[in-house]
Structure formats: structure tokens, C-alpha cells
Amino acid sequence: MAYAFVDDIQYRKWGALYVGDALLEHVPRLAICINLREDMEPLLFHCDGEWNVLGASGAETVEAVKARAEKNYPGVCSRWVDLNTSQDDALRYYDTTYGGVKCSFCGKRAFELEGWIEGHDATICTACVTKYDKAIRVPNPTSDRG
């Protein structure tokens, strides 16, 4: 969604971010990302000079993530570079990059699944396998089979 260079901003040490047992403090780069899964909040990635993620924190909205960053890096609000990328743009990019693998039944993408089975012309996720297995095991009282 956005990124900022903060290597020259005085770090305030508001709150604490631990990565394992180590306290992560001043970093030179920040990036705000929205997870393509809808069950996660926006994330603030704390990155080194090569954009490797050293730690992450989150908040309910992008604005709240920016406010959190502002507390640690005063003035960063004027440095955010907005990438003008929508979630739809990101999903199109993901589909192009990763071959558009989706469950043929529920339509979820690979990053939303815990696993899947690919056939010649279809893919089914483990959640749908479980769902349909349960459905076919339930006796159908209107069936003519005895």
C-alpha cells in the first residue's frame, strides 16, 4: 500500500516490538501492506535497508497503522509513498504470477487454503473435500436406494 524511508528520523521508542526474544527498535524502512486474505488487518513491516522484513505490527485500518508509525517515527506521515494499488490489482497480480490456482468448487486462491488436490481439469481444496465427504456420508431419506 505504501512505504517510507525513516533512517534519518529520530526514533521515539513508543511501545515495544519483540521478534523472538529480541527487541526491535529503529529500522531504516517501513512498509504498509494489506494481506490479500480478508481475515487479517493491515500490517506495518519494519524493514532493513534491503527491504527484508525484520518484524511486523498491525492495526485495524491503514490509517491506524500510519498513526502507530507516527508515534515511533515523528514526521513519517509526510514521507509515505502511496503505491495506489487496490486489493483487486494485487489479486490480479497474484493470479498472473502464481498461475491463478483456485479451488474449482469454492473459488478460494492457494494462499487462502490449507491444502489442495489438483486434477487434470480441476482443483479442490481440503476444506471442500471434507465438506463434500460429510455430505455424501449423510443418508438421504428421499433416496430410492435402500
N, C-alpha and C. Protein backbone atom coordinates (compact mmCIF):
# COMPACT_ATOMS: atom_id res chain seq x y z
N MET A 1 0.82 -1.19 0.00
CA MET A 1 0.00 0.00 0.00
C MET A 1 0.86 1.26 0.00
N ALA A 2 1.89 1.27 0.87
CA ALA A 2 2.74 2.45 0.99
C ALA A 2 4.07 2.06 1.62
N TYR A 3 5.06 2.93 1.40
CA TYR A 3 6.36 2.70 2.03
C TYR A 3 6.97 4.05 2.41
N ALA A 4 7.95 4.00 3.31
CA ALA A 4 8.63 5.22 3.74
C ALA A 4 10.06 4.90 4.16
N PHE A 5 10.95 5.85 3.89
CA PHE A 5 12.33 5.78 4.37
C PHE A 5 12.38 6.57 5.67
N VAL A 6 12.83 5.93 6.74
CA VAL A 6 12.82 6.58 8.05
C VAL A 6 14.19 6.54 8.72
N ASP A 7 15.24 6.24 7.96
CA ASP A 7 16.56 6.08 8.56
C ASP A 7 17.09 7.34 9.23
N ASP A 8 16.62 8.52 8.79
CA ASP A 8 17.10 9.76 9.38
C ASP A 8 16.11 10.38 10.36
N ILE A 9 15.04 9.69 10.70
CA ILE A 9 14.07 10.19 11.68
C ILE A 9 14.44 9.68 13.06
N GLN A 10 14.41 10.58 14.03
CA GLN A 10 14.70 10.20 15.42
C GLN A 10 13.64 9.20 15.90
N TYR A 11 14.06 8.07 16.39
CA TYR A 11 13.16 7.01 16.86
C TYR A 11 12.75 7.31 18.29
N ARG A 12 11.45 7.20 18.59
CA ARG A 12 10.92 7.55 19.92
C ARG A 12 10.78 6.40 20.90
N LYS A 13 10.80 5.19 20.47
CA LYS A 13 10.62 4.01 21.33
C LYS A 13 9.25 4.00 22.00
N TRP A 14 8.21 4.27 21.22
CA TRP A 14 6.85 4.18 21.74
C TRP A 14 6.41 2.73 21.61
N GLY A 15 6.05 2.10 22.69
CA GLY A 15 5.68 0.69 22.66
C GLY A 15 6.91 -0.19 22.49
N ALA A 16 6.68 -1.46 22.28
CA ALA A 16 7.78 -2.40 22.11
C ALA A 16 7.39 -3.47 21.10
N LEU A 17 8.31 -3.79 20.21
CA LEU A 17 8.10 -4.85 19.24
C LEU A 17 9.20 -5.87 19.42
N TYR A 18 8.81 -7.05 19.87
CA TYR A 18 9.77 -8.13 20.05
C TYR A 18 9.67 -9.10 18.89
N VAL A 19 10.83 -9.51 18.40
CA VAL A 19 10.92 -10.55 17.38
C VAL A 19 11.71 -11.67 18.04
N GLY A 20 10.98 -12.73 18.39
CA GLY A 20 11.60 -13.76 19.23
C GLY A 20 11.86 -13.14 20.59
N ASP A 21 13.09 -13.22 21.06
CA ASP A 21 13.47 -12.64 22.35
C ASP A 21 14.12 -11.27 22.21
N ALA A 22 14.29 -10.80 20.97
CA ALA A 22 15.00 -9.54 20.74
C ALA A 22 14.03 -8.38 20.54
N LEU A 23 14.36 -7.25 21.15
CA LEU A 23 13.58 -6.03 20.99
C LEU A 23 14.00 -5.39 19.67
N LEU A 24 13.03 -5.14 18.80
CA LEU A 24 13.30 -4.47 17.53
C LEU A 24 13.03 -2.99 17.72
N GLU A 25 14.03 -2.18 17.41
CA GLU A 25 13.85 -0.74 17.59
C GLU A 25 13.94 -0.04 16.24
N HIS A 26 14.80 0.94 16.10
CA HIS A 26 14.88 1.76 14.88
C HIS A 26 15.24 0.91 13.66
N VAL A 27 14.47 1.12 12.59
CA VAL A 27 14.74 0.48 11.31
C VAL A 27 14.80 1.58 10.24
N PRO A 28 15.45 1.33 9.11
CA PRO A 28 15.55 2.37 8.08
C PRO A 28 14.37 2.45 7.12
N ARG A 29 13.53 1.42 7.08
CA ARG A 29 12.43 1.38 6.11
C ARG A 29 11.16 0.85 6.77
N LEU A 30 10.02 1.40 6.34
CA LEU A 30 8.71 0.91 6.77
C LEU A 30 7.86 0.66 5.53
N ALA A 31 7.01 -0.35 5.61
CA ALA A 31 6.08 -0.63 4.51
C ALA A 31 4.74 -1.02 5.11
N ILE A 32 3.68 -0.54 4.48
CA ILE A 32 2.33 -0.91 4.92
C ILE A 32 1.75 -1.84 3.85
N CYS A 33 1.27 -2.97 4.31
CA CYS A 33 0.71 -3.97 3.41
C CYS A 33 -0.65 -4.42 3.91
N ILE A 34 -1.50 -4.75 2.98
CA ILE A 34 -2.78 -5.35 3.32
C ILE A 34 -2.71 -6.79 2.86
N ASN A 35 -3.00 -7.68 3.77
CA ASN A 35 -2.99 -9.09 3.44
C ASN A 35 -4.12 -9.36 2.46
N LEU A 36 -3.87 -10.18 1.47
CA LEU A 36 -4.90 -10.49 0.49
C LEU A 36 -6.03 -11.30 1.09
N ARG A 37 -5.75 -12.01 2.16
CA ARG A 37 -6.83 -12.69 2.88
C ARG A 37 -7.62 -11.64 3.64
N GLU A 38 -8.90 -11.77 3.67
CA GLU A 38 -9.72 -10.76 4.32
C GLU A 38 -9.81 -10.93 5.83
N ASP A 39 -9.18 -11.97 6.37
CA ASP A 39 -9.27 -12.22 7.80
C ASP A 39 -8.11 -11.60 8.58
N MET A 40 -7.31 -10.76 7.92
CA MET A 40 -6.19 -10.14 8.61
C MET A 40 -6.23 -8.63 8.44
N GLU A 41 -5.70 -7.95 9.44
CA GLU A 41 -5.66 -6.50 9.42
C GLU A 41 -4.44 -6.02 8.61
N PRO A 42 -4.39 -4.73 8.28
CA PRO A 42 -3.21 -4.18 7.62
C PRO A 42 -1.99 -4.34 8.52
N LEU A 43 -0.83 -4.50 7.91
CA LEU A 43 0.40 -4.72 8.66
C LEU A 43 1.40 -3.62 8.37
N LEU A 44 2.18 -3.27 9.39
CA LEU A 44 3.30 -2.37 9.26
C LEU A 44 4.55 -3.23 9.33
N PHE A 45 5.26 -3.31 8.22
CA PHE A 45 6.50 -4.08 8.17
C PHE A 45 7.67 -3.17 8.51
N HIS A 46 8.50 -3.62 9.43
CA HIS A 46 9.69 -2.92 9.86
C HIS A 46 10.84 -3.59 9.11
N CYS A 47 11.49 -2.85 8.20
CA CYS A 47 12.44 -3.45 7.26
C CYS A 47 13.85 -2.90 7.41
N ASP A 48 14.81 -3.72 6.96
CA ASP A 48 16.19 -3.25 6.91
C ASP A 48 16.39 -2.46 5.61
N GLY A 49 17.61 -2.05 5.33
CA GLY A 49 17.92 -1.24 4.16
C GLY A 49 17.68 -1.92 2.83
N GLU A 50 17.54 -3.24 2.85
CA GLU A 50 17.28 -4.01 1.63
C GLU A 50 15.81 -4.43 1.53
N TRP A 51 14.97 -3.91 2.38
CA TRP A 51 13.54 -4.20 2.46
C TRP A 51 13.24 -5.61 2.97
N ASN A 52 14.19 -6.23 3.65
CA ASN A 52 13.91 -7.51 4.31
C ASN A 52 13.11 -7.20 5.57
N VAL A 53 12.04 -7.94 5.78
CA VAL A 53 11.17 -7.70 6.93
C VAL A 53 11.84 -8.23 8.19
N LEU A 54 12.00 -7.35 9.17
CA LEU A 54 12.60 -7.71 10.46
C LEU A 54 11.55 -7.98 11.51
N GLY A 55 10.37 -7.38 11.35
CA GLY A 55 9.28 -7.55 12.29
C GLY A 55 8.03 -6.90 11.72
N ALA A 56 6.91 -7.19 12.32
CA ALA A 56 5.64 -6.64 11.84
C ALA A 56 4.73 -6.33 13.01
N SER A 57 3.93 -5.31 12.83
CA SER A 57 2.88 -4.97 13.78
C SER A 57 1.65 -4.63 12.95
N GLY A 58 0.52 -4.54 13.59
CA GLY A 58 -0.69 -4.29 12.82
C GLY A 58 -1.67 -3.40 13.55
N ALA A 59 -2.71 -3.05 12.86
CA ALA A 59 -3.81 -2.27 13.42
C ALA A 59 -5.03 -2.54 12.54
N GLU A 60 -6.18 -2.05 12.95
CA GLU A 60 -7.42 -2.37 12.24
C GLU A 60 -7.54 -1.71 10.88
N THR A 61 -6.91 -0.55 10.69
CA THR A 61 -7.02 0.17 9.42
C THR A 61 -5.64 0.67 9.00
N VAL A 62 -5.52 1.04 7.73
CA VAL A 62 -4.27 1.63 7.24
C VAL A 62 -3.98 2.92 8.00
N GLU A 63 -5.01 3.72 8.26
CA GLU A 63 -4.82 4.97 8.99
C GLU A 63 -4.28 4.71 10.40
N ALA A 64 -4.77 3.67 11.05
CA ALA A 64 -4.28 3.32 12.38
C ALA A 64 -2.85 2.82 12.34
N VAL A 65 -2.48 2.11 11.27
CA VAL A 65 -1.09 1.66 11.11
C VAL A 65 -0.18 2.88 10.95
N LYS A 66 -0.62 3.84 10.14
CA LYS A 66 0.17 5.06 9.95
C LYS A 66 0.31 5.84 11.26
N ALA A 67 -0.76 5.89 12.05
CA ALA A 67 -0.71 6.59 13.34
C ALA A 67 0.27 5.91 14.28
N ARG A 68 0.31 4.58 14.26
CA ARG A 68 1.26 3.83 15.09
C ARG A 68 2.69 4.15 14.67
N ALA A 69 2.93 4.19 13.36
CA ALA A 69 4.26 4.51 12.85
C ALA A 69 4.67 5.93 13.24
N GLU A 70 3.71 6.84 13.20
CA GLU A 70 3.98 8.25 13.53
C GLU A 70 4.44 8.39 14.99
N LYS A 71 3.93 7.56 15.88
CA LYS A 71 4.34 7.63 17.29
C LYS A 71 5.81 7.28 17.46
N ASN A 72 6.31 6.34 16.67
CA ASN A 72 7.71 5.94 16.75
C ASN A 72 8.62 6.79 15.87
N TYR A 73 8.09 7.23 14.75
CA TYR A 73 8.88 7.99 13.77
C TYR A 73 8.16 9.30 13.46
N PRO A 74 8.29 10.30 14.34
CA PRO A 74 7.57 11.56 14.14
C PRO A 74 7.95 12.22 12.81
N GLY A 75 6.93 12.54 12.03
CA GLY A 75 7.15 13.16 10.73
C GLY A 75 7.02 12.19 9.57
N VAL A 76 6.91 10.90 9.86
CA VAL A 76 6.80 9.92 8.78
C VAL A 76 5.52 10.13 7.97
N CYS A 77 4.53 10.78 8.55
CA CYS A 77 3.27 10.99 7.84
C CYS A 77 3.47 11.75 6.53
N SER A 78 4.49 12.58 6.44
CA SER A 78 4.75 13.33 5.21
C SER A 78 5.64 12.55 4.24
N ARG A 79 6.09 11.37 4.64
CA ARG A 79 7.01 10.60 3.81
C ARG A 79 6.41 9.37 3.15
N TRP A 80 5.19 9.04 3.50
CA TRP A 80 4.60 7.84 2.91
C TRP A 80 4.48 8.00 1.40
N VAL A 81 4.94 7.02 0.68
CA VAL A 81 4.78 6.96 -0.77
C VAL A 81 3.67 5.97 -1.03
N ASP A 82 2.54 6.46 -1.51
CA ASP A 82 1.37 5.62 -1.76
C ASP A 82 1.54 4.93 -3.11
N LEU A 83 1.39 3.63 -3.13
CA LEU A 83 1.57 2.86 -4.36
C LEU A 83 0.32 2.82 -5.22
N ASN A 84 -0.78 3.35 -4.71
CA ASN A 84 -2.04 3.39 -5.46
C ASN A 84 -2.41 2.02 -6.02
N THR A 85 -2.26 1.01 -5.19
CA THR A 85 -2.59 -0.36 -5.57
C THR A 85 -3.81 -0.80 -4.78
N SER A 86 -4.83 -1.23 -5.49
CA SER A 86 -6.03 -1.72 -4.81
C SER A 86 -5.88 -3.21 -4.52
N GLN A 87 -6.75 -3.71 -3.69
CA GLN A 87 -6.74 -5.14 -3.41
C GLN A 87 -7.04 -5.93 -4.68
N ASP A 88 -7.93 -5.41 -5.53
CA ASP A 88 -8.22 -6.08 -6.81
C ASP A 88 -6.98 -6.14 -7.70
N ASP A 89 -6.21 -5.03 -7.73
CA ASP A 89 -4.96 -5.02 -8.51
C ASP A 89 -4.00 -6.09 -7.98
N ALA A 90 -3.90 -6.17 -6.66
CA ALA A 90 -2.99 -7.14 -6.05
C ALA A 90 -3.44 -8.56 -6.35
N LEU A 91 -4.74 -8.82 -6.32
CA LEU A 91 -5.25 -10.16 -6.61
C LEU A 91 -5.00 -10.52 -8.08
N ARG A 92 -5.17 -9.57 -8.99
CA ARG A 92 -4.87 -9.83 -10.40
C ARG A 92 -3.39 -10.16 -10.58
N TYR A 93 -2.53 -9.40 -9.91
CA TYR A 93 -1.09 -9.67 -9.97
C TYR A 93 -0.79 -11.06 -9.41
N TYR A 94 -1.39 -11.39 -8.28
CA TYR A 94 -1.19 -12.71 -7.67
C TYR A 94 -1.61 -13.82 -8.64
N ASP A 95 -2.79 -13.67 -9.24
CA ASP A 95 -3.28 -14.70 -10.17
C ASP A 95 -2.35 -14.87 -11.36
N THR A 96 -1.84 -13.76 -11.88
CA THR A 96 -0.91 -13.83 -13.02
C THR A 96 0.40 -14.48 -12.62
N THR A 97 0.92 -14.09 -11.47
CA THR A 97 2.22 -14.58 -11.01
C THR A 97 2.19 -16.05 -10.63
N TYR A 98 1.10 -16.48 -9.98
CA TYR A 98 1.04 -17.84 -9.46
C TYR A 98 0.11 -18.75 -10.24
N GLY A 99 -0.21 -18.40 -11.47
CA GLY A 99 -0.97 -19.28 -12.35
C GLY A 99 -2.46 -19.34 -12.08
N GLY A 100 -2.98 -18.53 -11.20
CA GLY A 100 -4.41 -18.48 -10.98
C GLY A 100 -5.00 -19.73 -10.36
N VAL A 101 -4.22 -20.48 -9.57
CA VAL A 101 -4.74 -21.70 -8.94
C VAL A 101 -5.83 -21.32 -7.94
N LYS A 102 -7.01 -21.87 -8.16
CA LYS A 102 -8.16 -21.67 -7.27
C LYS A 102 -8.88 -22.99 -7.11
N CYS A 103 -9.59 -23.13 -6.01
CA CYS A 103 -10.45 -24.29 -5.83
C CYS A 103 -11.59 -24.18 -6.85
N SER A 104 -11.81 -25.23 -7.59
CA SER A 104 -12.85 -25.23 -8.62
C SER A 104 -14.25 -25.22 -8.02
N PHE A 105 -14.36 -25.45 -6.72
CA PHE A 105 -15.66 -25.53 -6.07
C PHE A 105 -16.00 -24.27 -5.29
N CYS A 106 -15.07 -23.80 -4.43
CA CYS A 106 -15.37 -22.62 -3.61
C CYS A 106 -14.72 -21.34 -4.14
N GLY A 107 -13.77 -21.47 -5.05
CA GLY A 107 -13.14 -20.30 -5.67
C GLY A 107 -12.02 -19.66 -4.87
N LYS A 108 -11.63 -20.24 -3.73
CA LYS A 108 -10.55 -19.66 -2.94
C LYS A 108 -9.22 -19.88 -3.64
N ARG A 109 -8.33 -18.91 -3.45
CA ARG A 109 -6.99 -18.98 -4.02
C ARG A 109 -6.08 -19.80 -3.11
N ALA A 110 -4.93 -20.18 -3.65
CA ALA A 110 -4.00 -21.04 -2.92
C ALA A 110 -3.59 -20.46 -1.56
N PHE A 111 -3.40 -19.13 -1.45
CA PHE A 111 -2.96 -18.55 -0.18
C PHE A 111 -4.06 -18.58 0.87
N GLU A 112 -5.31 -18.87 0.47
CA GLU A 112 -6.42 -18.94 1.41
C GLU A 112 -6.67 -20.38 1.89
N LEU A 113 -5.92 -21.31 1.34
CA LEU A 113 -6.19 -22.72 1.58
C LEU A 113 -5.11 -23.35 2.45
N GLU A 114 -5.51 -24.40 3.15
CA GLU A 114 -4.54 -25.17 3.93
C GLU A 114 -3.94 -26.28 3.09
N GLY A 115 -4.52 -26.56 1.98
CA GLY A 115 -4.02 -27.59 1.08
C GLY A 115 -5.03 -27.84 -0.01
N TRP A 116 -4.59 -28.46 -1.11
CA TRP A 116 -5.48 -28.74 -2.21
C TRP A 116 -4.97 -29.91 -3.02
N ILE A 117 -5.86 -30.43 -3.83
CA ILE A 117 -5.56 -31.56 -4.71
C ILE A 117 -5.83 -31.08 -6.13
N GLU A 118 -4.85 -31.26 -7.00
CA GLU A 118 -5.02 -30.85 -8.39
C GLU A 118 -5.27 -32.07 -9.25
N GLY A 119 -6.27 -31.95 -10.13
CA GLY A 119 -6.55 -32.98 -11.11
C GLY A 119 -6.21 -32.46 -12.49
N HIS A 120 -6.70 -33.14 -13.52
CA HIS A 120 -6.41 -32.70 -14.88
C HIS A 120 -7.08 -31.38 -15.22
N ASP A 121 -8.32 -31.23 -14.85
CA ASP A 121 -9.07 -30.04 -15.21
C ASP A 121 -9.69 -29.32 -14.01
N ALA A 122 -9.32 -29.72 -12.80
CA ALA A 122 -9.94 -29.11 -11.63
C ALA A 122 -8.98 -29.17 -10.44
N THR A 123 -9.23 -28.28 -9.49
CA THR A 123 -8.50 -28.25 -8.23
C THR A 123 -9.56 -28.19 -7.13
N ILE A 124 -9.34 -28.96 -6.06
CA ILE A 124 -10.27 -28.92 -4.94
C ILE A 124 -9.47 -28.76 -3.66
N CYS A 125 -9.95 -27.86 -2.80
CA CYS A 125 -9.24 -27.62 -1.54
C CYS A 125 -9.65 -28.68 -0.51
N THR A 126 -8.83 -28.83 0.52
CA THR A 126 -9.13 -29.83 1.54
C THR A 126 -10.41 -29.51 2.29
N ALA A 127 -10.73 -28.22 2.44
CA ALA A 127 -11.99 -27.85 3.12
C ALA A 127 -13.19 -28.36 2.31
N CYS A 128 -13.14 -28.23 0.99
CA CYS A 128 -14.25 -28.72 0.16
C CYS A 128 -14.29 -30.24 0.15
N VAL A 129 -13.13 -30.89 0.16
CA VAL A 129 -13.10 -32.36 0.23
C VAL A 129 -13.82 -32.80 1.49
N THR A 130 -13.48 -32.18 2.62
CA THR A 130 -14.12 -32.52 3.90
C THR A 130 -15.61 -32.25 3.85
N LYS A 131 -15.98 -31.09 3.34
CA LYS A 131 -17.40 -30.72 3.26
C LYS A 131 -18.19 -31.70 2.41
N TYR A 132 -17.68 -32.03 1.24
CA TYR A 132 -18.41 -32.92 0.35
C TYR A 132 -18.37 -34.37 0.81
N ASP A 133 -17.28 -34.75 1.50
CA ASP A 133 -17.22 -36.10 2.07
C ASP A 133 -18.30 -36.26 3.13
N LYS A 134 -18.46 -35.26 3.99
CA LYS A 134 -19.51 -35.31 5.01
C LYS A 134 -20.89 -35.35 4.36
N ALA A 135 -21.07 -34.57 3.31
CA ALA A 135 -22.38 -34.50 2.64
C ALA A 135 -22.76 -35.84 2.03
N ILE A 136 -21.81 -36.54 1.43
CA ILE A 136 -22.18 -37.81 0.78
C ILE A 136 -22.30 -38.95 1.78
N ARG A 137 -21.79 -38.77 3.00
CA ARG A 137 -21.92 -39.79 4.03
C ARG A 137 -23.25 -39.70 4.79
N VAL A 138 -23.93 -38.58 4.69
CA VAL A 138 -25.21 -38.40 5.37
C VAL A 138 -26.28 -39.11 4.56
N PRO A 139 -27.03 -40.00 5.20
CA PRO A 139 -28.09 -40.70 4.47
C PRO A 139 -29.13 -39.71 3.96
N ASN A 140 -29.59 -39.94 2.76
CA ASN A 140 -30.60 -39.09 2.15
C ASN A 140 -31.95 -39.81 2.27
N PRO A 141 -32.84 -39.31 3.11
CA PRO A 141 -34.12 -40.01 3.34
C PRO A 141 -35.03 -40.02 2.11
N THR A 142 -34.78 -39.16 1.14
CA THR A 142 -35.64 -39.15 -0.05
C THR A 142 -35.11 -40.02 -1.16
N SER A 143 -33.95 -40.66 -0.90
CA SER A 143 -33.35 -41.52 -1.93
C SER A 143 -34.11 -42.83 -2.05
N ASP A 144 -34.19 -43.38 -3.26
CA ASP A 144 -34.86 -44.66 -3.51
C ASP A 144 -33.96 -45.84 -3.15
N ARG A 145 -32.67 -45.57 -2.91
CA ARG A 145 -31.76 -46.67 -2.60
C ARG A 145 -32.03 -47.16 -1.19
N GLY A 146 -31.92 -48.43 -0.99
CA GLY A 146 -32.22 -48.97 0.31
C GLY A 146 -31.09 -49.30 1.07
